[in-house]
PDB file of N, CA and C in Angstrom:
ATOM      1  N   UNK A   1      -2.565 -22.893  -4.829  1.00  0.00           N
ATOM      2  CA  UNK A   1      -1.746 -21.747  -5.211  1.00  0.00           C
ATOM      3  C   UNK A   1      -1.656 -20.769  -4.040  1.00  0.00           C
ATOM      4  N   UNK A   2      -0.511 -20.234  -3.817  1.00  0.00           N
ATOM      5  CA  UNK A   2      -0.248 -19.312  -2.712  1.00  0.00           C
ATOM      6  C   UNK A   2      -0.536 -17.878  -3.152  1.00  0.00           C
ATOM      7  N   UNK A   3      -1.344 -17.176  -2.371  1.00  0.00           N
ATOM      8  CA  UNK A   3      -1.658 -15.777  -2.661  1.00  0.00           C
ATOM      9  C   UNK A   3      -0.825 -14.902  -1.727  1.00  0.00           C
ATOM     10  N   UNK A   4       0.104 -14.152  -2.265  1.00  0.00           N
ATOM     11  CA  UNK A   4       0.978 -13.318  -1.444  1.00  0.00           C
ATOM     12  C   UNK A   4       0.508 -11.861  -1.400  1.00  0.00           C
ATOM     13  N   UNK A   5      -0.752 -11.662  -1.595  1.00  0.00           N
ATOM     14  CA  UNK A   5      -1.332 -10.322  -1.517  1.00  0.00           C
ATOM     15  C   UNK A   5      -1.344  -9.840  -0.072  1.00  0.00           C
ATOM     16  N   UNK A   6      -1.065  -8.568   0.114  1.00  0.00           N
ATOM     17  CA  UNK A   6      -1.093  -7.925   1.426  1.00  0.00           C
ATOM     18  C   UNK A   6      -2.095  -6.773   1.390  1.00  0.00           C
ATOM     19  N   UNK A   7      -2.429  -6.254   2.546  1.00  0.00           N
ATOM     20  CA  UNK A   7      -3.207  -5.030   2.636  1.00  0.00           C
ATOM     21  C   UNK A   7      -2.258  -3.901   3.011  1.00  0.00           C
ATOM     22  N   UNK A   8      -2.699  -2.674   2.736  1.00  0.00           N
ATOM     23  CA  UNK A   8      -1.887  -1.532   3.133  1.00  0.00           C
ATOM     24  C   UNK A   8      -2.777  -0.346   3.461  1.00  0.00           C
ATOM     25  N   UNK A   9      -2.226   0.576   4.227  1.00  0.00           N
ATOM     26  CA  UNK A   9      -2.818   1.895   4.414  1.00  0.00           C
ATOM     27  C   UNK A   9      -1.692   2.908   4.226  1.00  0.00           C
ATOM     28  N   UNK A  10      -2.087   4.086   3.781  1.00  0.00           N
ATOM     29  CA  UNK A  10      -1.128   5.182   3.574  1.00  0.00           C
ATOM     30  C   UNK A  10      -1.500   6.328   4.500  1.00  0.00           C
ATOM     31  N   UNK A  11      -0.496   6.858   5.159  1.00  0.00           N
ATOM     32  CA  UNK A  11      -0.686   7.997   6.046  1.00  0.00           C
ATOM     33  C   UNK A  11      -0.305   9.272   5.310  1.00  0.00           C
ATOM     34  N   UNK A  12      -1.001  10.354   5.587  1.00  0.00           N
ATOM     35  CA  UNK A  12      -0.702  11.629   4.946  1.00  0.00           C
ATOM     36  C   UNK A  12       0.635  12.189   5.358  1.00  0.00           C
ATOM     37  N   UNK A  13       0.964  12.051   6.622  1.00  0.00           N
ATOM     38  CA  UNK A  13       2.236  12.576   7.090  1.00  0.00           C
ATOM     39  C   UNK A  13       3.386  11.734   6.551  1.00  0.00           C
ATOM     40  N   UNK A  14       4.270  12.356   5.825  1.00  0.00           N
ATOM     41  CA  UNK A  14       5.445  11.720   5.226  1.00  0.00           C
ATOM     42  C   UNK A  14       5.106  10.713   4.134  1.00  0.00           C
ATOM     43  N   UNK A  15       3.849  10.618   3.717  1.00  0.00           N
ATOM     44  CA  UNK A  15       3.443   9.631   2.709  1.00  0.00           C
ATOM     45  C   UNK A  15       3.981   8.252   3.049  1.00  0.00           C
ATOM     46  N   UNK A  16       3.829   7.840   4.288  1.00  0.00           N
ATOM     47  CA  UNK A  16       4.332   6.546   4.727  1.00  0.00           C
ATOM     48  C   UNK A  16       3.238   5.480   4.627  1.00  0.00           C
ATOM     49  N   UNK A  17       3.680   4.235   4.515  1.00  0.00           N
ATOM     50  CA  UNK A  17       2.782   3.108   4.311  1.00  0.00           C
ATOM     51  C   UNK A  17       2.967   2.073   5.412  1.00  0.00           C
ATOM     52  N   UNK A  18       1.876   1.382   5.711  1.00  0.00           N
ATOM     53  CA  UNK A  18       1.901   0.254   6.623  1.00  0.00           C
ATOM     54  C   UNK A  18       1.337  -0.937   5.862  1.00  0.00           C
ATOM     55  N   UNK A  19       2.078  -2.039   5.810  1.00  0.00           N
ATOM     56  CA  UNK A  19       1.662  -3.257   5.120  1.00  0.00           C
ATOM     57  C   UNK A  19       1.331  -4.318   6.160  1.00  0.00           C
ATOM     58  N   UNK A  20       0.276  -5.094   5.911  1.00  0.00           N
ATOM     59  CA  UNK A  20      -0.137  -6.096   6.879  1.00  0.00           C
ATOM     60  C   UNK A  20      -0.906  -7.225   6.188  1.00  0.00           C
ATOM     61  N   UNK A  21      -1.061  -8.380   6.848  1.00  0.00           N
ATOM     62  CA  UNK A  21      -1.728  -9.536   6.246  1.00  0.00           C
ATOM     63  C   UNK A  21      -3.206  -9.271   5.947  1.00  0.00           C
ATOM     64  N   UNK A  22      -3.735  -9.964   4.958  1.00  0.00           N
ATOM     65  CA  UNK A  22      -5.128  -9.777   4.544  1.00  0.00           C
ATOM     66  C   UNK A  22      -6.125 -10.228   5.599  1.00  0.00           C
ATOM     67  N   UNK A  23      -5.714 -11.027   6.546  1.00  0.00           N
ATOM     68  CA  UNK A  23      -6.619 -11.497   7.594  1.00  0.00           C
ATOM     69  C   UNK A  23      -7.025 -10.362   8.550  1.00  0.00           C
ATOM     70  N   UNK A  24      -6.239  -9.289   8.586  1.00  0.00           N
ATOM     71  CA  UNK A  24      -6.524  -8.132   9.447  1.00  0.00           C
ATOM     72  C   UNK A  24      -7.368  -7.129   8.673  1.00  0.00           C
ATOM     73  N   UNK A  25      -8.421  -6.616   9.297  1.00  0.00           N
ATOM     74  CA  UNK A  25      -9.271  -5.617   8.656  1.00  0.00           C
ATOM     75  C   UNK A  25      -8.588  -4.260   8.609  1.00  0.00           C
ATOM     76  N   UNK A  26      -8.802  -3.555   7.516  1.00  0.00           N
ATOM     77  CA  UNK A  26      -8.276  -2.189   7.403  1.00  0.00           C
ATOM     78  C   UNK A  26      -8.759  -1.311   8.561  1.00  0.00           C
ATOM     79  N   UNK A  27      -9.997  -1.516   8.984  1.00  0.00           N
ATOM     80  CA  UNK A  27     -10.605  -0.630   9.984  1.00  0.00           C
ATOM     81  C   UNK A  27      -9.879  -0.647  11.333  1.00  0.00           C
ATOM     82  N   UNK A  28      -9.042  -1.659  11.567  1.00  0.00           N
ATOM     83  CA  UNK A  28      -8.249  -1.711  12.791  1.00  0.00           C
ATOM     84  C   UNK A  28      -7.353  -0.472  12.902  1.00  0.00           C
ATOM     85  N   UNK A  29      -6.993   0.093  11.759  1.00  0.00           N
ATOM     86  CA  UNK A  29      -6.072   1.230  11.722  1.00  0.00           C
ATOM     87  C   UNK A  29      -6.779   2.565  11.478  1.00  0.00           C
ATOM     88  N   UNK A  30      -8.093   2.591  11.617  1.00  0.00           N
ATOM     89  CA  UNK A  30      -8.860   3.806  11.364  1.00  0.00           C
ATOM     90  C   UNK A  30      -8.388   4.976  12.236  1.00  0.00           C
ATOM     91  N   UNK A  31      -8.019   4.691  13.471  1.00  0.00           N
ATOM     92  CA  UNK A  31      -7.587   5.738  14.403  1.00  0.00           C
ATOM     93  C   UNK A  31      -6.297   6.432  13.957  1.00  0.00           C
ATOM     94  N   UNK A  32      -5.593   5.865  12.982  1.00  0.00           N
ATOM     95  CA  UNK A  32      -4.361   6.460  12.468  1.00  0.00           C
ATOM     96  C   UNK A  32      -4.628   7.429  11.309  1.00  0.00           C
ATOM     97  N   UNK A  33      -5.905   7.615  10.967  1.00  0.00           N
ATOM     98  CA  UNK A  33      -6.339   8.562   9.927  1.00  0.00           C
ATOM     99  C   UNK A  33      -5.654   8.352   8.571  1.00  0.00           C
ATOM    100  N   UNK A  34      -5.791   7.168   7.997  1.00  0.00           N
ATOM    101  CA  UNK A  34      -5.180   6.931   6.687  1.00  0.00           C
ATOM    102  C   UNK A  34      -5.850   7.775   5.602  1.00  0.00           C
ATOM    103  N   UNK A  35      -5.093   8.052   4.537  1.00  0.00           N
ATOM    104  CA  UNK A  35      -5.640   8.820   3.418  1.00  0.00           C
ATOM    105  C   UNK A  35      -5.942   7.942   2.213  1.00  0.00           C
ATOM    106  N   UNK A  36      -5.379   6.735   2.183  1.00  0.00           N
ATOM    107  CA  UNK A  36      -5.719   5.757   1.156  1.00  0.00           C
ATOM    108  C   UNK A  36      -5.482   4.368   1.726  1.00  0.00           C
ATOM    109  N   UNK A  37      -6.092   3.388   1.075  1.00  0.00           N
ATOM    110  CA  UNK A  37      -5.971   2.006   1.546  1.00  0.00           C
ATOM    111  C   UNK A  37      -6.352   1.068   0.422  1.00  0.00           C
ATOM    112  N   UNK A  38      -5.848  -0.142   0.503  1.00  0.00           N
ATOM    113  CA  UNK A  38      -6.173  -1.138  -0.505  1.00  0.00           C
ATOM    114  C   UNK A  38      -5.342  -2.385  -0.308  1.00  0.00           C
ATOM    115  N   UNK A  39      -4.974  -2.985  -1.432  1.00  0.00           N
ATOM    116  CA  UNK A  39      -4.199  -4.219  -1.446  1.00  0.00           C
ATOM    117  C   UNK A  39      -2.902  -3.976  -2.201  1.00  0.00           C
ATOM    118  N   UNK A  40      -1.939  -4.850  -1.998  1.00  0.00           N
ATOM    119  CA  UNK A  40      -0.682  -4.707  -2.716  1.00  0.00           C
ATOM    120  C   UNK A  40       0.027  -6.047  -2.826  1.00  0.00           C
ATOM    121  N   UNK A  41       0.941  -6.091  -3.770  1.00  0.00           N
ATOM    122  CA  UNK A  41       1.872  -7.207  -3.927  1.00  0.00           C
ATOM    123  C   UNK A  41       3.275  -6.658  -3.761  1.00  0.00           C
ATOM    124  N   UNK A  42       4.073  -7.276  -2.924  1.00  0.00           N
ATOM    125  CA  UNK A  42       5.454  -6.865  -2.727  1.00  0.00           C
ATOM    126  C   UNK A  42       6.421  -7.853  -3.367  1.00  0.00           C
ATOM    127  N   UNK A  43       5.926  -8.790  -4.148  1.00  0.00           N
ATOM    128  CA  UNK A  43       6.779  -9.850  -4.660  1.00  0.00           C
ATOM    129  C   UNK A  43       7.421  -9.518  -6.000  1.00  0.00           C
ATOM    130  N   UNK A  44       6.989  -8.477  -6.660  1.00  0.00           N
ATOM    131  CA  UNK A  44       7.583  -8.117  -7.938  1.00  0.00           C
ATOM    132  C   UNK A  44       8.985  -7.573  -7.699  1.00  0.00           C
ATOM    133  N   UNK A  45       9.811  -7.675  -8.683  1.00  0.00           N
ATOM    134  CA  UNK A  45      11.189  -7.219  -8.541  1.00  0.00           C
ATOM    135  C   UNK A  45      11.194  -5.699  -8.367  1.00  0.00           C
ATOM    136  N   UNK A  46      11.504  -5.275  -7.136  1.00  0.00           N
ATOM    137  CA  UNK A  46      11.637  -3.862  -6.796  1.00  0.00           C
ATOM    138  C   UNK A  46      10.401  -3.012  -7.087  1.00  0.00           C
ATOM    139  N   UNK A  47       9.224  -3.607  -6.958  1.00  0.00           N
ATOM    140  CA  UNK A  47       7.979  -2.860  -7.134  1.00  0.00           C
ATOM    141  C   UNK A  47       6.975  -3.285  -6.069  1.00  0.00           C
ATOM    142  N   UNK A  48       6.318  -2.303  -5.472  1.00  0.00           N
ATOM    143  CA  UNK A  48       5.168  -2.575  -4.610  1.00  0.00           C
ATOM    144  C   UNK A  48       3.949  -2.125  -5.415  1.00  0.00           C
ATOM    145  N   UNK A  49       3.182  -3.072  -5.920  1.00  0.00           N
ATOM    146  CA  UNK A  49       2.037  -2.763  -6.766  1.00  0.00           C
ATOM    147  C   UNK A  49       0.795  -2.605  -5.892  1.00  0.00           C
ATOM    148  N   UNK A  50       0.262  -1.385  -5.806  1.00  0.00           N
ATOM    149  CA  UNK A  50      -0.909  -1.066  -4.977  1.00  0.00           C
ATOM    150  C   UNK A  50      -2.167  -0.950  -5.847  1.00  0.00           C
ATOM    151  N   UNK A  51      -3.279  -1.440  -5.325  1.00  0.00           N
ATOM    152  CA  UNK A  51      -4.525  -1.417  -6.091  1.00  0.00           C
ATOM    153  C   UNK A  51      -5.720  -1.581  -5.166  1.00  0.00           C
ATOM    154  N   UNK A  52      -6.907  -1.372  -5.700  1.00  0.00           N
ATOM    155  CA  UNK A  52      -8.150  -1.674  -4.996  1.00  0.00           C
ATOM    156  C   UNK A  52      -8.572  -0.628  -3.991  1.00  0.00           C
ATOM    157  N   UNK A  53      -9.326  -1.115  -3.006  1.00  0.00           N
ATOM    158  CA  UNK A  53      -9.910  -0.214  -2.026  1.00  0.00           C
ATOM    159  C   UNK A  53     -10.149  -0.936  -0.708  1.00  0.00           C
ATOM    160  N   UNK A  54     -10.427  -0.153   0.314  1.00  0.00           N
ATOM    161  CA  UNK A  54     -10.844  -0.674   1.610  1.00  0.00           C
ATOM    162  C   UNK A  54     -12.309  -0.327   1.787  1.00  0.00           C
ATOM    163  N   UNK A  55     -13.152  -1.334   1.822  1.00  0.00           N
ATOM    164  CA  UNK A  55     -14.583  -1.119   2.035  1.00  0.00           C
ATOM    165  C   UNK A  55     -14.829  -0.633   3.455  1.00  0.00           C
ATOM    166  N   UNK A  56     -14.121  -1.211   4.429  1.00  0.00           N
ATOM    167  CA  UNK A  56     -14.360  -0.861   5.830  1.00  0.00           C
ATOM    168  C   UNK A  56     -13.935   0.567   6.163  1.00  0.00           C
ATOM    169  N   UNK A  57     -12.958   1.118   5.440  1.00  0.00           N
ATOM    170  CA  UNK A  57     -12.528   2.495   5.661  1.00  0.00           C
ATOM    171  C   UNK A  57     -13.127   3.466   4.647  1.00  0.00           C
ATOM    172  N   UNK A  58     -13.767   2.915   3.625  1.00  0.00           N
ATOM    173  CA  UNK A  58     -14.315   3.713   2.526  1.00  0.00           C
ATOM    174  C   UNK A  58     -13.231   4.574   1.882  1.00  0.00           C
ATOM    175  N   UNK A  59     -12.071   3.945   1.644  1.00  0.00           N
ATOM    176  CA  UNK A  59     -10.941   4.606   0.993  1.00  0.00           C
ATOM    177  C   UNK A  59     -10.472   3.766  -0.188  1.00  0.00           C
ATOM    178  N   UNK A  60     -10.021   4.434  -1.222  1.00  0.00           N
ATOM    179  CA  UNK A  60      -9.473   3.757  -2.385  1.00  0.00           C
ATOM    180  C   UNK A  60      -7.975   3.977  -2.449  1.00  0.00           C
ATOM    181  N   UNK A  61      -7.312   3.146  -3.244  1.00  0.00           N
ATOM    182  CA  UNK A  61      -5.895   3.383  -3.496  1.00  0.00           C
ATOM    183  C   UNK A  61      -5.787   4.649  -4.345  1.00  0.00           C
ATOM    184  N   UNK A  62      -4.717   5.382  -4.133  1.00  0.00           N
ATOM    185  CA  UNK A  62      -4.474   6.601  -4.893  1.00  0.00           C
ATOM    186  C   UNK A  62      -3.535   6.300  -6.057  1.00  0.00           C
ATOM    187  N   UNK A  63      -3.591   7.145  -7.052  1.00  0.00           N
ATOM    188  CA  UNK A  63      -2.812   6.934  -8.269  1.00  0.00           C
ATOM    189  C   UNK A  63      -1.317   6.800  -7.996  1.00  0.00           C
ATOM    190  N   UNK A  64      -0.796   7.550  -7.043  1.00  0.00           N
ATOM    191  CA  UNK A  64       0.642   7.510  -6.785  1.00  0.00           C
ATOM    192  C   UNK A  64       1.048   6.564  -5.650  1.00  0.00           C
ATOM    193  N   UNK A  65       0.138   5.735  -5.160  1.00  0.00           N
ATOM    194  CA  UNK A  65       0.473   4.798  -4.085  1.00  0.00           C
ATOM    195  C   UNK A  65       1.580   3.827  -4.493  1.00  0.00           C
ATOM    196  N   UNK A  66       1.494   3.277  -5.696  1.00  0.00           N
ATOM    197  CA  UNK A  66       2.514   2.327  -6.149  1.00  0.00           C
ATOM    198  C   UNK A  66       3.891   2.979  -6.157  1.00  0.00           C
ATOM    199  N   UNK A  67       3.973   4.190  -6.683  1.00  0.00           N
ATOM    200  CA  UNK A  67       5.251   4.898  -6.767  1.00  0.00           C
ATOM    201  C   UNK A  67       5.826   5.175  -5.377  1.00  0.00           C
ATOM    202  N   UNK A  68       5.001   5.706  -4.479  1.00  0.00           N
ATOM    203  CA  UNK A  68       5.497   6.073  -3.153  1.00  0.00           C
ATOM    204  C   UNK A  68       5.763   4.861  -2.262  1.00  0.00           C
ATOM    205  N   UNK A  69       4.949   3.814  -2.392  1.00  0.00           N
ATOM    206  CA  UNK A  69       5.202   2.587  -1.621  1.00  0.00           C
ATOM    207  C   UNK A  69       6.479   1.912  -2.101  1.00  0.00           C
ATOM    208  N   UNK A  70       6.705   1.914  -3.396  1.00  0.00           N
ATOM    209  CA  UNK A  70       7.944   1.353  -3.941  1.00  0.00           C
ATOM    210  C   UNK A  70       9.147   2.119  -3.409  1.00  0.00           C
ATOM    211  N   UNK A  71       9.040   3.434  -3.343  1.00  0.00           N
ATOM    212  CA  UNK A  71      10.133   4.253  -2.800  1.00  0.00           C
ATOM    213  C   UNK A  71      10.403   3.885  -1.348  1.00  0.00           C
ATOM    214  N   UNK A  72       9.342   3.696  -0.550  1.00  0.00           N
ATOM    215  CA  UNK A  72       9.519   3.369   0.868  1.00  0.00           C
ATOM    216  C   UNK A  72      10.204   2.023   1.051  1.00  0.00           C
ATOM    217  N   UNK A  73       9.820   1.033   0.265  1.00  0.00           N
ATOM    218  CA  UNK A  73      10.334  -0.322   0.462  1.00  0.00           C
ATOM    219  C   UNK A  73      11.673  -0.549  -0.236  1.00  0.00           C
ATOM    220  N   UNK A  74      11.803  -0.085  -1.485  1.00  0.00           N
ATOM    221  CA  UNK A  74      12.983  -0.409  -2.279  1.00  0.00           C
ATOM    222  C   UNK A  74      13.917   0.776  -2.562  1.00  0.00           C
ATOM    223  N   UNK A  75      13.508   1.994  -2.202  1.00  0.00           N
ATOM    224  CA  UNK A  75      14.361   3.153  -2.393  1.00  0.00           C
ATOM    225  C   UNK A  75      14.015   3.971  -3.625  1.00  0.00           C
ATOM    226  N   UNK A  76      14.630   5.127  -3.701  1.00  0.00           N
ATOM    227  CA  UNK A  76      14.326   6.082  -4.763  1.00  0.00           C
ATOM    228  C   UNK A  76      14.695   5.572  -6.139  1.00  0.00           C
ATOM    229  N   UNK A  77      15.784   4.806  -6.252  1.00  0.00           N
ATOM    230  CA  UNK A  77      16.175   4.277  -7.562  1.00  0.00           C
ATOM    231  C   UNK A  77      15.100   3.361  -8.134  1.00  0.00           C
ATOM    232  N   UNK A  78      14.513   2.514  -7.286  1.00  0.00           N
ATOM    233  CA  UNK A  78      13.438   1.631  -7.744  1.00  0.00           C
ATOM    234  C   UNK A  78      12.229   2.454  -8.189  1.00  0.00           C
ATOM    235  N   UNK A  79      11.915   3.517  -7.433  1.00  0.00           N
ATOM    236  CA  UNK A  79      10.789   4.367  -7.800  1.00  0.00           C
ATOM    237  C   UNK A  79      11.033   5.039  -9.139  1.00  0.00           C
ATOM    238  N   UNK A  80      12.235   5.515  -9.371  1.00  0.00           N
ATOM    239  CA  UNK A  80      12.554   6.199 -10.626  1.00  0.00           C
ATOM    240  C   UNK A  80      12.546   5.242 -11.817  1.00  0.00           C
ATOM    241  N   UNK A  81      12.716   3.947 -11.567  1.00  0.00           N
ATOM    242  CA  UNK A  81      12.708   2.953 -12.638  1.00  0.00           C
ATOM    243  C   UNK A  81      11.310   2.476 -13.012  1.00  0.00           C
ATOM    244  N   UNK A  82      10.275   2.919 -12.268  1.00  0.00           N
ATOM    245  CA  UNK A  82       8.904   2.522 -12.620  1.00  0.00           C
ATOM    246  C   UNK A  82       8.522   3.115 -13.964  1.00  0.00           C
ATOM    247  N   UNK A  83       7.758   2.372 -14.715  1.00  0.00           N
ATOM    248  CA  UNK A  83       7.314   2.856 -16.023  1.00  0.00           C
ATOM    249  C   UNK A  83       5.954   3.446 -15.961  1.00  0.00           C
TER     250      UNK A  83
END
């Protein structure tokens, strides 16, 4: 079975996100001062589902990560359609 899970970090400035393969450690991006980090799936229809935590950065996903990541990838309409 194919696992399409990705890792992500969120930056405080502009609430922007960086998505990258799970083989890369979150700590590689520590110098960018992320405010949250974890895992995500981008395969859902117009949703970026964020969850979990980064042990190496000692950061967890934030409650609004899914909403803001969805807005970044799929636009405001997709974000407004989240339940």
